[in-house]
Amino acid sequence: MLFVSEAARDRILNIYDTEAKAEGTFVRVSVKGGGCSGLSYNMDFDTQVNPDDQEFEDKGIKLVTDLKSFLYVCNTTLDFSDGLNGKGFQFINPNASRTCACGESFAV
């Protein structure tokens, strides 16, 4: 399962409204090799579901990830911060054994 915090839900809905996202748009979460810690998160908006995708919905937000990425992000919460220490989406991943200081890469 993938989860969405209230703050992330509010920000995603705001993006849907202000950028006039197409009907059926969802959040695609994936993991790629790279970054300080070895693996990097990627988040984008998409409308195409692939055959091997895993689909989840939390707080009215549809999240989709490919099967390979899901092995790394299972039970992860997508959060959003607009505080002084940084603004943007962040991943709270219980599977990560370490993360880099910027929070954009991790290792398991």
C-alpha atoms as a PDB file:
ATOM      1  CA  MET A   1       0.000   0.000   0.000  1.00  0.00           C
ATOM      2  CA  LEU A   2       1.050   3.596  -0.564  1.00  0.00           C
ATOM      3  CA  PHE A   3      -0.288   6.404   1.606  1.00  0.00           C
ATOM      4  CA  VAL A   4      -0.861  10.154   1.268  1.00  0.00           C
ATOM      5  CA  SER A   5      -0.684  12.636   4.139  1.00  0.00           C
ATOM      6  CA  GLU A   6      -3.353  15.330   4.470  1.00  0.00           C
ATOM      7  CA  ALA A   7      -0.819  17.987   3.424  1.00  0.00           C
ATOM      8  CA  ALA A   8       0.156  16.031   0.300  1.00  0.00           C
ATOM      9  CA  ARG A   9      -3.512  15.429  -0.553  1.00  0.00           C
ATOM     10  CA  ASP A  10      -4.276  19.133  -0.285  1.00  0.00           C
ATOM     11  CA  ARG A  11      -1.283  20.073  -2.461  1.00  0.00           C
ATOM     12  CA  ILE A  12      -2.079  17.453  -5.118  1.00  0.00           C
ATOM     13  CA  LEU A  13      -5.706  18.634  -5.319  1.00  0.00           C
ATOM     14  CA  ASN A  14      -4.441  22.208  -5.625  1.00  0.00           C
ATOM     15  CA  ILE A  15      -2.173  21.189  -8.516  1.00  0.00           C
ATOM     16  CA  TYR A  16      -5.067  19.372 -10.215  1.00  0.00           C
ATOM     17  CA  ASP A  17      -7.147  22.566  -9.970  1.00  0.00           C
ATOM     18  CA  THR A  18      -4.529  25.174 -10.903  1.00  0.00           C
ATOM     19  CA  GLU A  19      -2.898  23.226 -13.718  1.00  0.00           C
ATOM     20  CA  ALA A  20      -6.173  21.835 -15.092  1.00  0.00           C
ATOM     21  CA  LYS A  21      -5.014  18.226 -15.073  1.00  0.00           C
ATOM     22  CA  ALA A  22      -6.987  15.885 -17.345  1.00  0.00           C
ATOM     23  CA  GLU A  23      -9.726  13.656 -16.009  1.00  0.00           C
ATOM     24  CA  GLY A  24      -8.209  10.398 -14.776  1.00  0.00           C
ATOM     25  CA  THR A  25      -4.852  11.945 -13.841  1.00  0.00           C
ATOM     26  CA  PHE A  26      -3.047  10.175 -11.007  1.00  0.00           C
ATOM     27  CA  VAL A  27       0.267  10.355  -9.166  1.00  0.00           C
ATOM     28  CA  ARG A  28       2.931   7.970 -10.463  1.00  0.00           C
ATOM     29  CA  VAL A  29       5.660   7.069  -7.968  1.00  0.00           C
ATOM     30  CA  SER A  30       8.802   5.281  -9.105  1.00  0.00           C
ATOM     31  CA  VAL A  31      12.328   4.486  -7.959  1.00  0.00           C
ATOM     32  CA  LYS A  32      15.444   4.807 -10.082  1.00  0.00           C
ATOM     33  CA  GLY A  33      19.091   4.090  -9.456  1.00  0.00           C
ATOM     34  CA  GLY A  34      21.159   7.134  -8.530  1.00  0.00           C
ATOM     35  CA  GLY A  35      21.469   9.856  -5.936  1.00  0.00           C
ATOM     36  CA  CYS A  36      23.716  10.105  -2.908  1.00  0.00           C
ATOM     37  CA  SER A  37      22.361   6.947  -1.280  1.00  0.00           C
ATOM     38  CA  GLY A  38      21.912   4.758  -4.348  1.00  0.00           C
ATOM     39  CA  LEU A  39      18.186   5.013  -5.145  1.00  0.00           C
ATOM     40  CA  SER A  40      16.122   8.079  -6.039  1.00  0.00           C
ATOM     41  CA  TYR A  41      12.403   8.760  -5.833  1.00  0.00           C
ATOM     42  CA  ASN A  42      10.512  10.053  -8.828  1.00  0.00           C
ATOM     43  CA  MET A  43       6.995  11.470  -8.755  1.00  0.00           C
ATOM     44  CA  ASP A  44       4.992  12.624 -11.750  1.00  0.00           C
ATOM     45  CA  PHE A  45       1.426  12.988 -12.956  1.00  0.00           C
ATOM     46  CA  ASP A  46       0.208  10.424 -15.463  1.00  0.00           C
ATOM     47  CA  THR A  47      -2.961   9.116 -17.123  1.00  0.00           C
ATOM     48  CA  GLN A  48      -1.726   5.758 -18.501  1.00  0.00           C
ATOM     49  CA  VAL A  49      -1.787   2.625 -16.353  1.00  0.00           C
ATOM     50  CA  ASN A  50       0.583  -0.123 -17.507  1.00  0.00           C
ATOM     51  CA  PRO A  51      -0.145  -3.861 -17.149  1.00  0.00           C
ATOM     52  CA  ASP A  52       2.381  -4.415 -14.317  1.00  0.00           C
ATOM     53  CA  ASP A  53       1.384  -1.288 -12.342  1.00  0.00           C
ATOM     54  CA  GLN A  54       0.177  -1.463  -8.774  1.00  0.00           C
ATOM     55  CA  GLU A  55      -2.733   0.906  -8.046  1.00  0.00           C
ATOM     56  CA  PHE A  56      -3.676   2.369  -4.665  1.00  0.00           C
ATOM     57  CA  GLU A  57      -6.014   5.062  -3.414  1.00  0.00           C
ATOM     58  CA  ASP A  58      -5.695   6.984  -0.159  1.00  0.00           C
ATOM     59  CA  LYS A  59      -7.653  10.061   0.908  1.00  0.00           C
ATOM     60  CA  GLY A  60      -9.148  10.283  -2.575  1.00  0.00           C
ATOM     61  CA  ILE A  61      -5.763  10.374  -4.337  1.00  0.00           C
ATOM     62  CA  LYS A  62      -4.879   7.603  -6.787  1.00  0.00           C
ATOM     63  CA  LEU A  63      -1.242   6.473  -6.588  1.00  0.00           C
ATOM     64  CA  VAL A  64       0.323   4.153  -9.149  1.00  0.00           C
ATOM     65  CA  THR A  65       3.729   2.494  -9.132  1.00  0.00           C
ATOM     66  CA  ASP A  66       5.384  -0.157 -11.243  1.00  0.00           C
ATOM     67  CA  LEU A  67       5.966  -3.528  -9.607  1.00  0.00           C
ATOM     68  CA  LYS A  68       9.753  -3.137  -9.332  1.00  0.00           C
ATOM     69  CA  SER A  69       9.461   0.266  -7.621  1.00  0.00           C
ATOM     70  CA  PHE A  70       6.761  -1.029  -5.299  1.00  0.00           C
ATOM     71  CA  LEU A  71       9.273  -3.418  -3.730  1.00  0.00           C
ATOM     72  CA  TYR A  72      11.149  -0.314  -2.476  1.00  0.00           C
ATOM     73  CA  VAL A  73       8.211   1.953  -1.582  1.00  0.00           C
ATOM     74  CA  CYS A  74       5.733  -0.467   0.001  1.00  0.00           C
ATOM     75  CA  ASN A  75       4.050   1.265   2.997  1.00  0.00           C
ATOM     76  CA  THR A  76       5.595   4.632   2.099  1.00  0.00           C
ATOM     77  CA  THR A  77       3.716   7.855   2.804  1.00  0.00           C
ATOM     78  CA  LEU A  78       3.853  10.750   0.378  1.00  0.00           C
ATOM     79  CA  ASP A  79       3.999  13.984   2.386  1.00  0.00           C
ATOM     80  CA  PHE A  80       4.230  17.676   1.547  1.00  0.00           C
ATOM     81  CA  SER A  81       6.018  20.396   3.497  1.00  0.00           C
ATOM     82  CA  ASP A  82       5.923  24.113   2.931  1.00  0.00           C
ATOM     83  CA  GLY A  83       8.016  25.051   5.944  1.00  0.00           C
ATOM     84  CA  LEU A  84      11.214  27.020   6.251  1.00  0.00           C
ATOM     85  CA  ASN A  85      13.396  23.904   6.065  1.00  0.00           C
ATOM     86  CA  GLY A  86      12.265  23.124   2.553  1.00  0.00           C
ATOM     87  CA  LYS A  87       9.191  23.102   0.427  1.00  0.00           C
ATOM     88  CA  GLY A  88       8.002  20.177  -1.610  1.00  0.00           C
ATOM     89  CA  PHE A  89       6.927  16.584  -1.619  1.00  0.00           C
ATOM     90  CA  GLN A  90       8.836  14.082   0.465  1.00  0.00           C
ATOM     91  CA  PHE A  91       8.649  10.349   0.972  1.00  0.00           C
ATOM     92  CA  ILE A  92       8.417   8.805   4.439  1.00  0.00           C
ATOM     93  CA  ASN A  93       9.729   5.344   3.694  1.00  0.00           C
ATOM     94  CA  PRO A  94       9.892   2.769   6.509  1.00  0.00           C
ATOM     95  CA  ASN A  95      11.966   0.488   4.243  1.00  0.00           C
ATOM     96  CA  ALA A  96      14.861   2.938   3.875  1.00  0.00           C
ATOM     97  CA  SER A  97      17.931   2.019   5.909  1.00  0.00           C
ATOM     98  CA  ARG A  98      19.453   5.434   5.215  1.00  0.00           C
ATOM     99  CA  THR A  99      18.597   8.615   3.349  1.00  0.00           C
ATOM    100  CA  CYS A 100      20.636  11.527   2.104  1.00  0.00           C
ATOM    101  CA  ALA A 101      20.402  14.941   3.752  1.00  0.00           C
ATOM    102  CA  CYS A 102      18.203  16.352   0.979  1.00  0.00           C
ATOM    103  CA  GLY A 103      15.758  13.422   1.309  1.00  0.00           C
ATOM    104  CA  GLU A 104      15.674  12.698  -2.409  1.00  0.00           C
ATOM    105  CA  SER A 105      17.628   9.428  -2.320  1.00  0.00           C
ATOM    106  CA  PHE A 106      17.729   6.405  -0.078  1.00  0.00           C
ATOM    107  CA  ALA A 107      19.116   2.914   0.412  1.00  0.00           C
ATOM    108  CA  VAL A 108      17.451  -0.279   1.620  1.00  0.00           C
END
